[in-house]
Amino acid sequence: MNAEEIMQQFQEKGYEVRLSERETGVKNRVKRKGVWVTVGRENLRDAVSFLQEIAEEYPHFSIISTADLGDDVELNYHFMLGYGKWLEEFAVTFKVIIPKTDLSVPSLTDIVPAIIFSEREITEMMGVEVEGLPDKRHLFLTPDFPEGVYPWRRDETGPKETNKLYEGWKP
């Protein structure tokens, strides 16, 4: 199944979807495609399960990337299809935006076991509560790291020394 077919499947399920394309490579220019699916946190588990259901092979989970948007946090769950087939592989990304006033998402570890490390990372670095996360130990921060301080945040919960870099920053 190619990127356009995956995109169409998600559109038929009622998701907001867009296709991205960019050129990569130095010697041999290749167009890389990406399918971006915008989902609410309440539909995240269903969307990832649906991808596993329609994909011809098991989607390869890459990482959860994040962005502090001011009043919200953006989480991007990145998967690859066609992994290892350089000319055929493409990304499928689930974009979830959650308000800082209710900073929680459901865990996907029972669906994609390898996601546990990224879920632990966004918990300690962004302060996102991952509901149902089976292991909540710190992954990168030391046990004595101050509670309520989140290194990737650009607001008052970010490290105070780092926040000086963002004086006057507006999302």
N, C-alpha and C. Protein backbone atom coordinates (compact mmCIF):
# COMPACT_ATOMS: atom_id res chain seq x y z
N MET A 1 0.85 -1.17 0.00
CA MET A 1 0.00 0.00 0.00
C MET A 1 0.89 1.24 0.00
N ASN A 2 0.62 2.19 -0.88
CA ASN A 2 1.46 3.39 -0.96
C ASN A 2 0.86 4.53 -0.13
N ALA A 3 1.56 5.66 -0.11
CA ALA A 3 1.15 6.80 0.72
C ALA A 3 -0.23 7.32 0.34
N GLU A 4 -0.50 7.42 -0.95
CA GLU A 4 -1.80 7.92 -1.40
C GLU A 4 -2.94 7.01 -0.97
N GLU A 5 -2.72 5.70 -1.02
CA GLU A 5 -3.75 4.75 -0.60
C GLU A 5 -3.99 4.82 0.91
N ILE A 6 -2.92 4.96 1.68
CA ILE A 6 -3.06 5.11 3.13
C ILE A 6 -3.83 6.40 3.42
N MET A 7 -3.47 7.48 2.74
CA MET A 7 -4.14 8.76 2.92
C MET A 7 -5.63 8.63 2.64
N GLN A 8 -5.97 7.97 1.55
CA GLN A 8 -7.37 7.79 1.17
C GLN A 8 -8.14 6.98 2.22
N GLN A 9 -7.50 5.94 2.75
CA GLN A 9 -8.14 5.10 3.77
C GLN A 9 -8.49 5.94 5.01
N PHE A 10 -7.57 6.81 5.43
CA PHE A 10 -7.82 7.64 6.60
C PHE A 10 -8.87 8.72 6.31
N GLN A 11 -8.86 9.25 5.10
CA GLN A 11 -9.88 10.23 4.72
C GLN A 11 -11.27 9.60 4.75
N GLU A 12 -11.37 8.38 4.26
CA GLU A 12 -12.66 7.68 4.25
C GLU A 12 -13.16 7.41 5.67
N LYS A 13 -12.24 7.32 6.64
CA LYS A 13 -12.63 7.14 8.05
C LYS A 13 -12.96 8.48 8.71
N GLY A 14 -12.81 9.58 7.97
CA GLY A 14 -13.19 10.89 8.50
C GLY A 14 -12.07 11.69 9.14
N TYR A 15 -10.83 11.24 8.98
CA TYR A 15 -9.70 11.97 9.55
C TYR A 15 -9.26 13.09 8.63
N GLU A 16 -8.71 14.14 9.23
CA GLU A 16 -8.09 15.22 8.46
C GLU A 16 -6.69 14.74 8.09
N VAL A 17 -6.40 14.69 6.79
CA VAL A 17 -5.14 14.11 6.32
C VAL A 17 -4.52 15.01 5.26
N ARG A 18 -3.20 15.09 5.26
CA ARG A 18 -2.49 15.78 4.18
C ARG A 18 -1.27 14.96 3.78
N LEU A 19 -0.87 15.15 2.54
CA LEU A 19 0.29 14.44 2.00
C LEU A 19 1.42 15.45 1.82
N SER A 20 2.60 15.11 2.30
CA SER A 20 3.76 15.98 2.09
C SER A 20 4.75 15.26 1.18
N GLU A 21 5.54 16.06 0.47
CA GLU A 21 6.57 15.50 -0.41
C GLU A 21 7.80 16.39 -0.33
N ARG A 22 8.96 15.76 -0.26
CA ARG A 22 10.21 16.52 -0.28
C ARG A 22 11.28 15.69 -0.97
N GLU A 23 12.24 16.38 -1.53
CA GLU A 23 13.35 15.69 -2.19
C GLU A 23 14.45 15.42 -1.19
N THR A 24 15.03 14.22 -1.27
CA THR A 24 16.15 13.87 -0.41
C THR A 24 17.26 13.27 -1.27
N GLY A 25 18.40 13.11 -0.67
CA GLY A 25 19.53 12.50 -1.38
C GLY A 25 20.41 13.54 -2.03
N VAL A 26 21.68 13.21 -2.15
CA VAL A 26 22.64 14.11 -2.76
C VAL A 26 22.90 13.70 -4.20
N LYS A 27 23.31 12.46 -4.41
CA LYS A 27 23.59 11.99 -5.77
C LYS A 27 22.29 11.65 -6.50
N ASN A 28 21.48 10.85 -5.86
CA ASN A 28 20.22 10.42 -6.48
C ASN A 28 19.06 11.10 -5.77
N ARG A 29 18.46 12.08 -6.40
CA ARG A 29 17.33 12.80 -5.80
C ARG A 29 16.10 11.90 -5.80
N VAL A 30 15.49 11.75 -4.64
CA VAL A 30 14.32 10.91 -4.49
C VAL A 30 13.26 11.72 -3.77
N LYS A 31 12.02 11.60 -4.21
CA LYS A 31 10.91 12.26 -3.52
C LYS A 31 10.45 11.37 -2.39
N ARG A 32 10.47 11.91 -1.17
CA ARG A 32 10.00 11.20 0.01
C ARG A 32 8.61 11.72 0.35
N LYS A 33 7.70 10.81 0.62
CA LYS A 33 6.34 11.18 0.94
C LYS A 33 6.05 10.96 2.41
N GLY A 34 5.13 11.75 2.91
CA GLY A 34 4.68 11.61 4.28
C GLY A 34 3.18 11.83 4.35
N VAL A 35 2.51 11.02 5.12
CA VAL A 35 1.08 11.17 5.36
C VAL A 35 0.93 11.71 6.77
N TRP A 36 0.28 12.87 6.90
CA TRP A 36 0.05 13.51 8.19
C TRP A 36 -1.42 13.39 8.53
N VAL A 37 -1.71 12.74 9.65
CA VAL A 37 -3.09 12.51 10.08
C VAL A 37 -3.30 13.28 11.39
N THR A 38 -4.22 14.24 11.36
CA THR A 38 -4.55 14.99 12.57
C THR A 38 -5.63 14.24 13.33
N VAL A 39 -5.34 13.93 14.60
CA VAL A 39 -6.30 13.18 15.41
C VAL A 39 -6.44 13.84 16.77
N GLY A 40 -7.60 13.69 17.37
CA GLY A 40 -7.78 14.07 18.76
C GLY A 40 -7.24 12.96 19.64
N ARG A 41 -6.84 13.29 20.83
CA ARG A 41 -6.27 12.26 21.71
C ARG A 41 -7.25 11.11 21.96
N GLU A 42 -8.55 11.42 21.90
CA GLU A 42 -9.55 10.38 22.13
C GLU A 42 -9.60 9.37 20.98
N ASN A 43 -9.06 9.73 19.82
CA ASN A 43 -9.05 8.84 18.65
C ASN A 43 -7.67 8.27 18.34
N LEU A 44 -6.67 8.63 19.14
CA LEU A 44 -5.29 8.22 18.85
C LEU A 44 -5.13 6.71 18.81
N ARG A 45 -5.63 6.01 19.80
CA ARG A 45 -5.50 4.55 19.84
C ARG A 45 -6.19 3.91 18.63
N ASP A 46 -7.38 4.39 18.29
CA ASP A 46 -8.10 3.85 17.13
C ASP A 46 -7.34 4.10 15.84
N ALA A 47 -6.75 5.29 15.70
CA ALA A 47 -6.02 5.63 14.48
C ALA A 47 -4.79 4.75 14.30
N VAL A 48 -4.04 4.54 15.37
CA VAL A 48 -2.83 3.70 15.28
C VAL A 48 -3.23 2.24 15.01
N SER A 49 -4.29 1.78 15.66
CA SER A 49 -4.78 0.41 15.40
C SER A 49 -5.24 0.26 13.95
N PHE A 50 -5.90 1.30 13.43
CA PHE A 50 -6.35 1.26 12.04
C PHE A 50 -5.16 1.19 11.08
N LEU A 51 -4.09 1.94 11.37
CA LEU A 51 -2.89 1.87 10.53
C LEU A 51 -2.34 0.45 10.52
N GLN A 52 -2.27 -0.18 11.67
CA GLN A 52 -1.77 -1.56 11.74
C GLN A 52 -2.67 -2.51 10.95
N GLU A 53 -3.94 -2.24 10.98
CA GLU A 53 -4.92 -3.09 10.29
C GLU A 53 -4.80 -2.99 8.76
N ILE A 54 -4.62 -1.77 8.25
CA ILE A 54 -4.63 -1.59 6.79
C ILE A 54 -3.26 -1.72 6.14
N ALA A 55 -2.20 -1.57 6.92
CA ALA A 55 -0.85 -1.66 6.35
C ALA A 55 -0.54 -3.09 5.95
N GLU A 56 0.17 -3.24 4.86
CA GLU A 56 0.54 -4.57 4.38
C GLU A 56 1.63 -5.21 5.23
N GLU A 57 2.31 -4.38 6.01
CA GLU A 57 3.35 -4.86 6.92
C GLU A 57 3.21 -4.09 8.22
N TYR A 58 3.83 -4.57 9.26
CA TYR A 58 3.73 -3.90 10.55
C TYR A 58 4.42 -2.55 10.47
N PRO A 59 3.73 -1.46 10.83
CA PRO A 59 4.36 -0.14 10.79
C PRO A 59 5.52 -0.05 11.78
N HIS A 60 6.62 0.51 11.33
CA HIS A 60 7.80 0.68 12.18
C HIS A 60 7.66 1.99 12.95
N PHE A 61 7.56 1.92 14.28
CA PHE A 61 7.48 3.14 15.09
C PHE A 61 8.85 3.78 15.17
N SER A 62 8.92 5.10 14.97
CA SER A 62 10.19 5.82 15.05
C SER A 62 10.34 6.58 16.35
N ILE A 63 9.47 7.57 16.59
CA ILE A 63 9.63 8.44 17.75
C ILE A 63 8.37 9.30 17.92
N ILE A 64 8.22 9.88 19.09
CA ILE A 64 7.22 10.92 19.31
C ILE A 64 7.99 12.23 19.40
N SER A 65 7.74 13.15 18.48
CA SER A 65 8.36 14.47 18.58
C SER A 65 7.34 15.42 19.18
N THR A 66 7.84 16.48 19.83
CA THR A 66 6.95 17.40 20.53
C THR A 66 7.29 18.84 20.21
N ALA A 67 6.32 19.72 20.46
CA ALA A 67 6.54 21.16 20.34
C ALA A 67 5.68 21.87 21.38
N ASP A 68 6.27 22.85 22.04
CA ASP A 68 5.54 23.70 22.97
C ASP A 68 4.95 24.83 22.14
N LEU A 69 3.63 24.88 22.05
CA LEU A 69 2.94 25.88 21.21
C LEU A 69 2.38 27.04 22.03
N GLY A 70 2.82 27.19 23.24
CA GLY A 70 2.28 28.26 24.09
C GLY A 70 1.25 27.68 25.04
N ASP A 71 -0.03 27.75 24.66
CA ASP A 71 -1.10 27.21 25.49
C ASP A 71 -1.32 25.71 25.26
N ASP A 72 -0.71 25.18 24.21
CA ASP A 72 -0.89 23.78 23.82
C ASP A 72 0.46 23.09 23.65
N VAL A 73 0.40 21.77 23.60
CA VAL A 73 1.57 20.95 23.26
C VAL A 73 1.18 20.10 22.06
N GLU A 74 2.06 20.05 21.08
CA GLU A 74 1.85 19.20 19.90
C GLU A 74 2.69 17.94 20.04
N LEU A 75 2.06 16.80 19.83
CA LEU A 75 2.75 15.52 19.83
C LEU A 75 2.61 14.92 18.44
N ASN A 76 3.73 14.48 17.87
CA ASN A 76 3.73 13.84 16.55
C ASN A 76 4.28 12.42 16.71
N TYR A 77 3.41 11.45 16.43
CA TYR A 77 3.77 10.03 16.52
C TYR A 77 4.19 9.58 15.12
N HIS A 78 5.48 9.30 14.94
CA HIS A 78 6.04 9.00 13.62
C HIS A 78 6.20 7.49 13.41
N PHE A 79 5.65 7.01 12.30
CA PHE A 79 5.76 5.62 11.89
C PHE A 79 6.32 5.57 10.46
N MET A 80 6.97 4.48 10.11
CA MET A 80 7.46 4.27 8.74
C MET A 80 6.81 3.02 8.17
N LEU A 81 6.45 3.11 6.91
CA LEU A 81 5.97 1.95 6.16
C LEU A 81 6.94 1.72 5.02
N GLY A 82 7.10 0.46 4.64
CA GLY A 82 8.09 0.14 3.61
C GLY A 82 9.50 0.26 4.16
N TYR A 83 9.64 0.14 5.47
CA TYR A 83 10.93 0.33 6.14
C TYR A 83 11.99 -0.58 5.54
N GLY A 84 13.11 0.01 5.17
CA GLY A 84 14.21 -0.75 4.59
C GLY A 84 14.17 -0.83 3.07
N LYS A 85 13.03 -0.49 2.49
CA LYS A 85 12.91 -0.43 1.02
C LYS A 85 13.05 1.03 0.64
N TRP A 86 14.27 1.49 0.50
CA TRP A 86 14.62 2.90 0.42
C TRP A 86 13.75 3.68 -0.55
N LEU A 87 13.46 3.15 -1.71
CA LEU A 87 12.69 3.91 -2.71
C LEU A 87 11.19 3.86 -2.46
N GLU A 88 10.75 2.95 -1.60
CA GLU A 88 9.31 2.79 -1.38
C GLU A 88 8.84 3.26 -0.01
N GLU A 89 9.75 3.50 0.94
CA GLU A 89 9.32 3.81 2.29
C GLU A 89 8.74 5.22 2.38
N PHE A 90 7.79 5.37 3.30
CA PHE A 90 7.18 6.67 3.56
C PHE A 90 6.73 6.73 5.01
N ALA A 91 6.56 7.94 5.49
CA ALA A 91 6.19 8.15 6.89
C ALA A 91 4.69 8.35 7.03
N VAL A 92 4.18 7.89 8.15
CA VAL A 92 2.81 8.21 8.57
C VAL A 92 2.95 8.83 9.95
N THR A 93 2.46 10.05 10.09
CA THR A 93 2.58 10.78 11.36
C THR A 93 1.20 11.15 11.88
N PHE A 94 0.97 10.83 13.13
CA PHE A 94 -0.28 11.21 13.79
C PHE A 94 0.00 12.45 14.64
N LYS A 95 -0.67 13.54 14.30
CA LYS A 95 -0.48 14.82 14.98
C LYS A 95 -1.61 15.02 15.99
N VAL A 96 -1.23 15.19 17.26
CA VAL A 96 -2.19 15.38 18.34
C VAL A 96 -1.83 16.68 19.06
N ILE A 97 -2.79 17.58 19.19
CA ILE A 97 -2.57 18.82 19.93
C ILE A 97 -3.43 18.78 21.18
N ILE A 98 -2.77 18.98 22.34
CA ILE A 98 -3.48 18.93 23.61
C ILE A 98 -3.21 20.21 24.40
N PRO A 99 -4.22 20.69 25.12
CA PRO A 99 -4.02 21.92 25.91
C PRO A 99 -3.19 21.65 27.15
N LYS A 100 -2.40 22.63 27.55
CA LYS A 100 -1.58 22.48 28.75
C LYS A 100 -2.43 22.37 30.01
N THR A 101 -3.67 22.80 29.92
CA THR A 101 -4.57 22.68 31.08
C THR A 101 -5.04 21.25 31.30
N ASP A 102 -4.87 20.40 30.32
CA ASP A 102 -5.26 18.98 30.40
C ASP A 102 -4.26 18.17 29.60
N LEU A 103 -3.05 18.10 30.10
CA LEU A 103 -1.90 17.56 29.37
C LEU A 103 -1.82 16.04 29.55
N SER A 104 -2.73 15.32 28.86
CA SER A 104 -2.71 13.86 28.97
C SER A 104 -3.08 13.21 27.64
N VAL A 105 -2.52 12.02 27.44
CA VAL A 105 -2.83 11.18 26.28
C VAL A 105 -2.86 9.73 26.76
N PRO A 106 -3.56 8.86 26.03
CA PRO A 106 -3.55 7.45 26.42
C PRO A 106 -2.24 6.78 25.99
N SER A 107 -1.81 5.81 26.75
CA SER A 107 -0.63 5.04 26.38
C SER A 107 -0.96 4.12 25.21
N LEU A 108 0.03 3.89 24.37
CA LEU A 108 -0.11 2.98 23.24
C LEU A 108 0.76 1.74 23.41
N THR A 109 1.32 1.54 24.59
CA THR A 109 2.27 0.43 24.78
C THR A 109 1.67 -0.94 24.55
N ASP A 110 0.37 -1.09 24.78
CA ASP A 110 -0.24 -2.40 24.53
C ASP A 110 -0.45 -2.65 23.04
N ILE A 111 -0.44 -1.58 22.24
CA ILE A 111 -0.60 -1.70 20.78
C ILE A 111 0.77 -1.76 20.11
N VAL A 112 1.68 -0.88 20.56
CA VAL A 112 3.04 -0.78 20.01
C VAL A 112 4.01 -0.80 21.20
N PRO A 113 4.47 -1.97 21.61
CA PRO A 113 5.31 -2.07 22.82
C PRO A 113 6.54 -1.16 22.82
N ALA A 114 7.18 -0.96 21.68
CA ALA A 114 8.40 -0.15 21.62
C ALA A 114 8.16 1.33 21.91
N ILE A 115 6.92 1.75 21.93
CA ILE A 115 6.60 3.16 22.15
C ILE A 115 6.83 3.58 23.60
N ILE A 116 7.03 2.62 24.48
CA ILE A 116 7.17 2.93 25.91
C ILE A 116 8.30 3.93 26.18
N PHE A 117 9.40 3.84 25.45
CA PHE A 117 10.52 4.74 25.70
C PHE A 117 10.18 6.18 25.32
N SER A 118 9.49 6.37 24.20
CA SER A 118 9.07 7.71 23.80
C SER A 118 8.01 8.26 24.75
N GLU A 119 7.12 7.39 25.22
CA GLU A 119 6.10 7.85 26.17
C GLU A 119 6.74 8.28 27.49
N ARG A 120 7.73 7.54 27.95
CA ARG A 120 8.45 7.94 29.17
C ARG A 120 9.19 9.26 28.94
N GLU A 121 9.74 9.42 27.74
CA GLU A 121 10.48 10.64 27.42
C GLU A 121 9.56 11.87 27.43
N ILE A 122 8.39 11.79 26.80
CA ILE A 122 7.51 12.97 26.77
C ILE A 122 6.93 13.26 28.15
N THR A 123 6.83 12.24 28.99
CA THR A 123 6.37 12.45 30.36
C THR A 123 7.37 13.30 31.14
N GLU A 124 8.64 12.91 31.10
CA GLU A 124 9.61 13.65 31.90
C GLU A 124 10.11 14.93 31.24
N MET A 125 10.12 15.01 29.93
CA MET A 125 10.65 16.20 29.25
C MET A 125 9.60 17.29 28.97
N MET A 126 8.31 16.86 28.81
CA MET A 126 7.26 17.83 28.50
C MET A 126 6.17 17.89 29.56
N GLY A 127 6.16 16.96 30.49
CA GLY A 127 5.13 16.96 31.52
C GLY A 127 3.80 16.40 31.05
N VAL A 128 3.81 15.61 29.98
CA VAL A 128 2.59 14.98 29.48
C VAL A 128 2.29 13.75 30.32
N GLU A 129 1.08 13.66 30.83
CA GLU A 129 0.65 12.49 31.58
C GLU A 129 0.20 11.43 30.58
N VAL A 130 0.89 10.31 30.54
CA VAL A 130 0.54 9.21 29.64
C VAL A 130 -0.26 8.22 30.46
N GLU A 131 -1.57 8.24 30.25
CA GLU A 131 -2.49 7.40 31.04
C GLU A 131 -2.33 5.93 30.68
N GLY A 132 -2.06 5.12 31.69
CA GLY A 132 -1.88 3.68 31.48
C GLY A 132 -0.44 3.29 31.19
N LEU A 133 0.49 4.23 31.27
CA LEU A 133 1.91 3.92 31.04
C LEU A 133 2.39 2.96 32.13
N PRO A 134 2.85 1.76 31.74
CA PRO A 134 3.19 0.75 32.74
C PRO A 134 4.49 1.03 33.51
N ASP A 135 5.37 1.87 32.98
CA ASP A 135 6.65 2.15 33.64
C ASP A 135 6.87 3.66 33.62
N LYS A 136 6.77 4.30 34.77
CA LYS A 136 6.87 5.76 34.83
C LYS A 136 8.20 6.25 35.38
N ARG A 137 9.19 5.35 35.44
CA ARG A 137 10.52 5.78 35.90
C ARG A 137 11.11 6.80 34.93
N HIS A 138 12.01 7.63 35.46
CA HIS A 138 12.73 8.55 34.59
C HIS A 138 13.59 7.76 33.60
N LEU A 139 13.71 8.31 32.41
CA LEU A 139 14.51 7.67 31.38
C LEU A 139 15.84 8.40 31.20
N PHE A 140 15.79 9.74 31.24
CA PHE A 140 16.99 10.55 31.01
C PHE A 140 17.38 11.40 32.22
N LEU A 141 16.41 11.88 32.96
CA LEU A 141 16.70 12.79 34.07
C LEU A 141 17.10 12.00 35.31
N THR A 142 17.95 12.61 36.11
CA THR A 142 18.41 11.96 37.34
C THR A 142 17.29 11.94 38.38
N PRO A 143 17.37 11.01 39.33
CA PRO A 143 16.32 10.93 40.36
C PRO A 143 16.16 12.22 41.17
N ASP A 144 17.23 13.02 41.29
CA ASP A 144 17.15 14.24 42.07
C ASP A 144 16.75 15.47 41.24
N PHE A 145 16.40 15.25 39.97
CA PHE A 145 15.97 16.37 39.12
C PHE A 145 14.69 16.96 39.72
N PRO A 146 14.58 18.30 39.77
CA PRO A 146 13.42 18.92 40.43
C PRO A 146 12.09 18.51 39.78
N GLU A 147 11.13 18.15 40.61
CA GLU A 147 9.80 17.78 40.13
C GLU A 147 9.09 19.03 39.60
N GLY A 148 8.32 18.85 38.53
CA GLY A 148 7.57 19.97 37.96
C GLY A 148 8.37 20.85 37.01
N VAL A 149 9.62 20.46 36.72
CA VAL A 149 10.45 21.18 35.75
C VAL A 149 10.59 20.27 34.54
N TYR A 150 10.26 20.80 33.36
CA TYR A 150 10.25 20.00 32.13
C TYR A 150 11.17 20.64 31.10
N PRO A 151 12.33 20.01 30.83
CA PRO A 151 13.37 20.61 30.00
C PRO A 151 12.96 21.07 28.60
N TRP A 152 11.96 20.45 28.00
CA TRP A 152 11.59 20.85 26.64
C TRP A 152 10.52 21.92 26.59
N ARG A 153 10.03 22.35 27.73
CA ARG A 153 8.97 23.36 27.76
C ARG A 153 9.58 24.76 27.71
N ARG A 154 8.86 25.68 27.08
CA ARG A 154 9.31 27.06 26.95
C ARG A 154 8.54 28.00 27.87
N ASP A 155 7.80 27.44 28.79
CA ASP A 155 7.02 28.26 29.70
C ASP A 155 7.66 28.26 31.09
N GLU A 156 6.90 28.63 32.10
CA GLU A 156 7.43 28.72 33.46
C GLU A 156 7.84 27.37 34.04
N THR A 157 7.44 26.26 33.42
CA THR A 157 7.83 24.94 33.93
C THR A 157 9.16 24.47 33.34
N GLY A 158 9.71 25.21 32.37
CA GLY A 158 11.01 24.86 31.80
C GLY A 158 12.12 25.24 32.76
N PRO A 159 13.32 24.71 32.56
CA PRO A 159 14.45 25.08 33.43
C PRO A 159 14.67 26.59 33.40
N LYS A 160 14.86 27.19 34.54
CA LYS A 160 14.96 28.65 34.64
C LYS A 160 16.15 29.21 33.86
N GLU A 161 17.29 28.54 33.90
CA GLU A 161 18.45 29.03 33.17
C GLU A 161 18.19 29.02 31.66
N THR A 162 17.53 27.98 31.18
CA THR A 162 17.24 27.84 29.75
C THR A 162 16.20 28.85 29.31
N ASN A 163 15.24 29.16 30.18
CA ASN A 163 14.17 30.06 29.79
C ASN A 163 14.67 31.44 29.41
N LYS A 164 15.86 31.84 29.86
CA LYS A 164 16.42 33.13 29.48
C LYS A 164 16.62 33.21 27.97
N LEU A 165 16.85 32.05 27.35
CA LEU A 165 17.02 32.02 25.89
C LEU A 165 15.73 32.38 25.16
N TYR A 166 14.60 32.21 25.86
CA TYR A 166 13.30 32.39 25.22
C TYR A 166 12.59 33.66 25.66
N GLU A 167 13.30 34.60 26.28
CA GLU A 167 12.66 35.84 26.70
C GLU A 167 12.05 36.52 25.47
N GLY A 168 10.80 36.89 25.61
CA GLY A 168 10.11 37.56 24.51
C GLY A 168 9.57 36.60 23.46
N TRP A 169 9.77 35.28 23.66
CA TRP A 169 9.29 34.30 22.69
C TRP A 169 7.77 34.22 22.72
N LYS A 170 7.18 34.22 21.55
CA LYS A 170 5.72 34.07 21.42
C LYS A 170 5.47 32.99 20.39
N PRO A 171 4.53 32.06 20.70
CA PRO A 171 4.24 31.00 19.73
C PRO A 171 3.47 31.54 18.52
